N, C-alpha and C. Protein backbone atom coordinates (compact mmCIF):
# COMPACT_ATOMS: atom_id res chain seq x y z
N UNK A 1 0.81 -1.19 0.00
CA UNK A 1 0.00 0.00 0.00
C UNK A 1 0.86 1.26 0.00
N UNK A 2 1.93 1.25 0.77
CA UNK A 2 2.77 2.44 0.85
C UNK A 2 3.48 2.67 -0.49
N UNK A 3 3.81 1.58 -1.19
CA UNK A 3 4.42 1.74 -2.51
C UNK A 3 3.47 2.43 -3.49
N UNK A 4 2.20 2.15 -3.38
CA UNK A 4 1.22 2.79 -4.26
C UNK A 4 1.16 4.29 -4.03
N UNK A 5 1.14 4.70 -2.77
CA UNK A 5 1.10 6.13 -2.45
C UNK A 5 2.38 6.81 -2.91
N UNK A 6 3.52 6.19 -2.63
CA UNK A 6 4.79 6.75 -3.08
C UNK A 6 4.82 6.82 -4.60
N UNK A 7 4.32 5.80 -5.26
CA UNK A 7 4.31 5.77 -6.72
C UNK A 7 3.47 6.89 -7.32
N UNK A 8 2.31 7.15 -6.74
CA UNK A 8 1.46 8.23 -7.25
C UNK A 8 2.15 9.57 -7.09
N UNK A 9 2.71 9.82 -5.91
CA UNK A 9 3.38 11.11 -5.65
C UNK A 9 4.58 11.28 -6.55
N UNK A 10 5.39 10.25 -6.68
CA UNK A 10 6.60 10.34 -7.50
C UNK A 10 6.24 10.49 -8.98
N UNK A 11 5.24 9.77 -9.44
CA UNK A 11 4.85 9.83 -10.86
C UNK A 11 4.36 11.21 -11.24
N UNK A 12 3.62 11.85 -10.35
CA UNK A 12 3.03 13.15 -10.68
C UNK A 12 4.02 14.28 -10.48
N UNK A 13 4.81 14.25 -9.42
CA UNK A 13 5.61 15.40 -9.06
C UNK A 13 7.10 15.28 -9.37
N UNK A 14 7.60 14.11 -9.65
CA UNK A 14 9.05 13.98 -9.75
C UNK A 14 9.49 13.23 -11.01
N UNK A 15 9.43 11.93 -10.94
CA UNK A 15 10.03 11.10 -11.97
C UNK A 15 9.05 9.98 -12.34
N UNK A 16 8.43 10.10 -13.48
CA UNK A 16 7.37 9.17 -13.88
C UNK A 16 7.82 7.71 -13.97
N UNK A 17 9.01 7.41 -14.49
CA UNK A 17 9.40 5.99 -14.53
C UNK A 17 9.49 5.35 -13.14
N UNK A 18 9.82 6.14 -12.12
CA UNK A 18 9.81 5.59 -10.77
C UNK A 18 8.39 5.30 -10.31
N UNK A 19 7.42 6.07 -10.80
CA UNK A 19 6.03 5.78 -10.51
C UNK A 19 5.61 4.43 -11.06
N UNK A 20 6.12 4.10 -12.24
CA UNK A 20 5.85 2.78 -12.82
C UNK A 20 6.42 1.69 -11.91
N UNK A 21 7.65 1.89 -11.46
CA UNK A 21 8.30 0.90 -10.60
C UNK A 21 7.56 0.72 -9.28
N UNK A 22 7.25 1.83 -8.62
CA UNK A 22 6.55 1.72 -7.33
C UNK A 22 5.14 1.17 -7.50
N UNK A 23 4.48 1.49 -8.60
CA UNK A 23 3.17 0.92 -8.87
C UNK A 23 3.24 -0.58 -9.04
N UNK A 24 4.24 -1.03 -9.76
CA UNK A 24 4.43 -2.47 -9.96
C UNK A 24 4.72 -3.16 -8.63
N UNK A 25 5.60 -2.54 -7.82
CA UNK A 25 5.91 -3.12 -6.51
C UNK A 25 4.67 -3.19 -5.62
N UNK A 26 3.83 -2.15 -5.69
CA UNK A 26 2.61 -2.13 -4.90
C UNK A 26 1.65 -3.22 -5.34
N UNK A 27 1.49 -3.40 -6.65
CA UNK A 27 0.61 -4.46 -7.14
C UNK A 27 1.13 -5.84 -6.75
N UNK A 28 2.45 -6.02 -6.81
CA UNK A 28 3.05 -7.30 -6.44
C UNK A 28 2.82 -7.60 -4.96
N UNK A 29 3.03 -6.59 -4.12
CA UNK A 29 2.82 -6.77 -2.69
C UNK A 29 1.35 -7.06 -2.38
N UNK A 30 0.45 -6.37 -3.06
CA UNK A 30 -0.99 -6.58 -2.83
C UNK A 30 -1.42 -7.98 -3.26
N UNK A 31 -0.86 -8.46 -4.37
CA UNK A 31 -1.18 -9.83 -4.84
C UNK A 31 -0.73 -10.86 -3.81
N UNK A 32 0.48 -10.66 -3.25
CA UNK A 32 1.01 -11.62 -2.28
C UNK A 32 0.18 -11.64 -1.00
N UNK A 33 -0.34 -10.49 -0.62
CA UNK A 33 -1.12 -10.39 0.62
C UNK A 33 -2.62 -10.57 0.40
N UNK A 34 -3.04 -10.61 -0.83
CA UNK A 34 -4.46 -10.74 -1.13
C UNK A 34 -5.23 -9.45 -0.89
N UNK A 35 -4.56 -8.33 -1.00
CA UNK A 35 -5.17 -7.02 -0.75
C UNK A 35 -5.60 -6.38 -2.07
N UNK A 36 -6.20 -5.21 -1.95
CA UNK A 36 -6.66 -4.46 -3.12
C UNK A 36 -5.46 -3.84 -3.86
N UNK A 37 -5.46 -3.93 -5.17
CA UNK A 37 -4.35 -3.44 -5.99
C UNK A 37 -4.60 -2.06 -6.59
N UNK A 38 -5.62 -1.35 -6.15
CA UNK A 38 -6.03 -0.11 -6.80
C UNK A 38 -4.94 0.95 -6.77
N UNK A 39 -4.32 1.18 -5.61
CA UNK A 39 -3.28 2.21 -5.53
C UNK A 39 -2.10 1.88 -6.45
N UNK A 40 -1.74 0.62 -6.50
CA UNK A 40 -0.65 0.21 -7.39
C UNK A 40 -0.98 0.42 -8.85
N UNK A 41 -2.22 0.09 -9.21
CA UNK A 41 -2.62 0.29 -10.61
C UNK A 41 -2.65 1.76 -10.98
N UNK A 42 -3.14 2.60 -10.06
CA UNK A 42 -3.17 4.04 -10.32
C UNK A 42 -1.76 4.57 -10.50
N UNK A 43 -0.85 4.19 -9.61
CA UNK A 43 0.54 4.64 -9.71
C UNK A 43 1.18 4.14 -11.00
N UNK A 44 0.94 2.88 -11.33
CA UNK A 44 1.52 2.29 -12.53
C UNK A 44 1.06 3.03 -13.79
N UNK A 45 -0.26 3.25 -13.92
CA UNK A 45 -0.77 3.89 -15.12
C UNK A 45 -0.46 5.38 -15.17
N UNK A 46 -0.41 6.05 -14.03
CA UNK A 46 0.02 7.45 -14.02
C UNK A 46 1.48 7.55 -14.45
N UNK A 47 2.29 6.63 -13.98
CA UNK A 47 3.70 6.61 -14.40
C UNK A 47 3.84 6.42 -15.90
N UNK A 48 3.06 5.52 -16.46
CA UNK A 48 3.10 5.30 -17.91
C UNK A 48 2.62 6.54 -18.65
N UNK A 49 1.53 7.14 -18.18
CA UNK A 49 0.97 8.32 -18.85
C UNK A 49 1.94 9.49 -18.83
N UNK A 50 2.54 9.76 -17.67
CA UNK A 50 3.46 10.89 -17.58
C UNK A 50 4.77 10.62 -18.30
N UNK A 51 5.19 9.37 -18.35
CA UNK A 51 6.38 9.03 -19.14
C UNK A 51 6.11 9.25 -20.63
N UNK A 52 4.94 8.84 -21.09
CA UNK A 52 4.57 9.04 -22.50
C UNK A 52 4.49 10.53 -22.82
N UNK A 53 3.91 11.33 -21.91
CA UNK A 53 3.84 12.77 -22.14
C UNK A 53 5.23 13.39 -22.19
N UNK A 54 6.14 12.92 -21.36
CA UNK A 54 7.51 13.43 -21.38
C UNK A 54 8.21 13.09 -22.69
N UNK A 55 8.02 11.87 -23.16
CA UNK A 55 8.64 11.47 -24.43
C UNK A 55 8.07 12.29 -25.58
N UNK A 56 6.76 12.48 -25.61
CA UNK A 56 6.14 13.29 -26.66
C UNK A 56 6.65 14.73 -26.57
N UNK A 57 6.79 15.26 -25.36
CA UNK A 57 7.31 16.62 -25.19
C UNK A 57 8.73 16.77 -25.70
N UNK A 58 9.57 15.78 -25.44
CA UNK A 58 10.95 15.82 -25.94
C UNK A 58 10.97 15.76 -27.46
N UNK A 59 10.15 14.91 -28.04
CA UNK A 59 10.10 14.81 -29.50
C UNK A 59 9.63 16.13 -30.11
N UNK A 60 8.57 16.72 -29.53
CA UNK A 60 8.08 18.01 -30.04
C UNK A 60 9.12 19.11 -29.88
N UNK A 61 9.84 19.11 -28.78
CA UNK A 61 10.89 20.11 -28.58
C UNK A 61 12.01 19.96 -29.61
N UNK A 62 12.36 18.72 -29.91
CA UNK A 62 13.40 18.48 -30.93
C UNK A 62 12.94 18.91 -32.31
N UNK A 63 11.70 18.61 -32.63
CA UNK A 63 11.15 19.01 -33.93
C UNK A 63 11.06 20.52 -34.02
N UNK A 64 10.59 21.16 -32.96
CA UNK A 64 10.49 22.62 -32.96
C UNK A 64 11.86 23.26 -33.07
N UNK A 65 12.84 22.68 -32.40
CA UNK A 65 14.20 23.21 -32.49
C UNK A 65 14.79 23.04 -33.87
N UNK A 66 14.45 21.95 -34.54
CA UNK A 66 14.98 21.71 -35.88
C UNK A 66 14.42 22.69 -36.89
N UNK A 67 13.18 23.14 -36.69
CA UNK A 67 12.55 24.05 -37.64
C UNK A 67 12.63 25.51 -37.21
N UNK A 68 13.30 25.81 -36.12
CA UNK A 68 13.32 27.19 -35.64
C UNK A 68 14.48 28.00 -36.22
N UNK A 69 15.45 27.37 -36.83
CA UNK A 69 16.59 28.08 -37.37
C UNK A 69 16.25 28.82 -38.65
N UNK A 70 17.06 29.83 -38.96
CA UNK A 70 16.89 30.61 -40.18
C UNK A 70 17.61 29.88 -41.30
N UNK A 71 16.88 29.28 -42.19
CA UNK A 71 17.47 28.48 -43.27
C UNK A 71 17.90 29.33 -44.47
N UNK A 72 17.50 30.58 -44.52
CA UNK A 72 17.80 31.41 -45.69
C UNK A 72 19.24 31.90 -45.68
N UNK A 73 19.86 32.03 -44.54
CA UNK A 73 21.25 32.51 -44.46
C UNK A 73 22.24 31.38 -44.25
N UNK A 74 21.85 30.19 -44.52
CA UNK A 74 22.71 29.03 -44.33
C UNK A 74 23.74 29.01 -45.45
N UNK A 75 25.03 28.92 -45.09
CA UNK A 75 26.10 28.97 -46.08
C UNK A 75 26.60 27.60 -46.50
N UNK A 76 26.20 26.57 -45.82
CA UNK A 76 26.56 25.23 -46.25
C UNK A 76 27.87 24.70 -45.71
N UNK A 77 28.49 25.37 -44.79
CA UNK A 77 29.71 24.80 -44.20
C UNK A 77 29.67 24.95 -42.74
């Protein structure tokens, strides 16, 4: 259960891939104890969602940077 809470907080505010890890750990612990896996699933999927958003943001930033230069004064060397 504590892994699920840590996973949600870390996924949203800090480092999304760690949210995936803590979510997975929470689900594993809940399965072993026969408890509810909801917090682990929320942390896991939030981690995946925020990781995907970060990857898309990096790709968009790279594309925007590639097209932001002035191509008319390019001398070729």
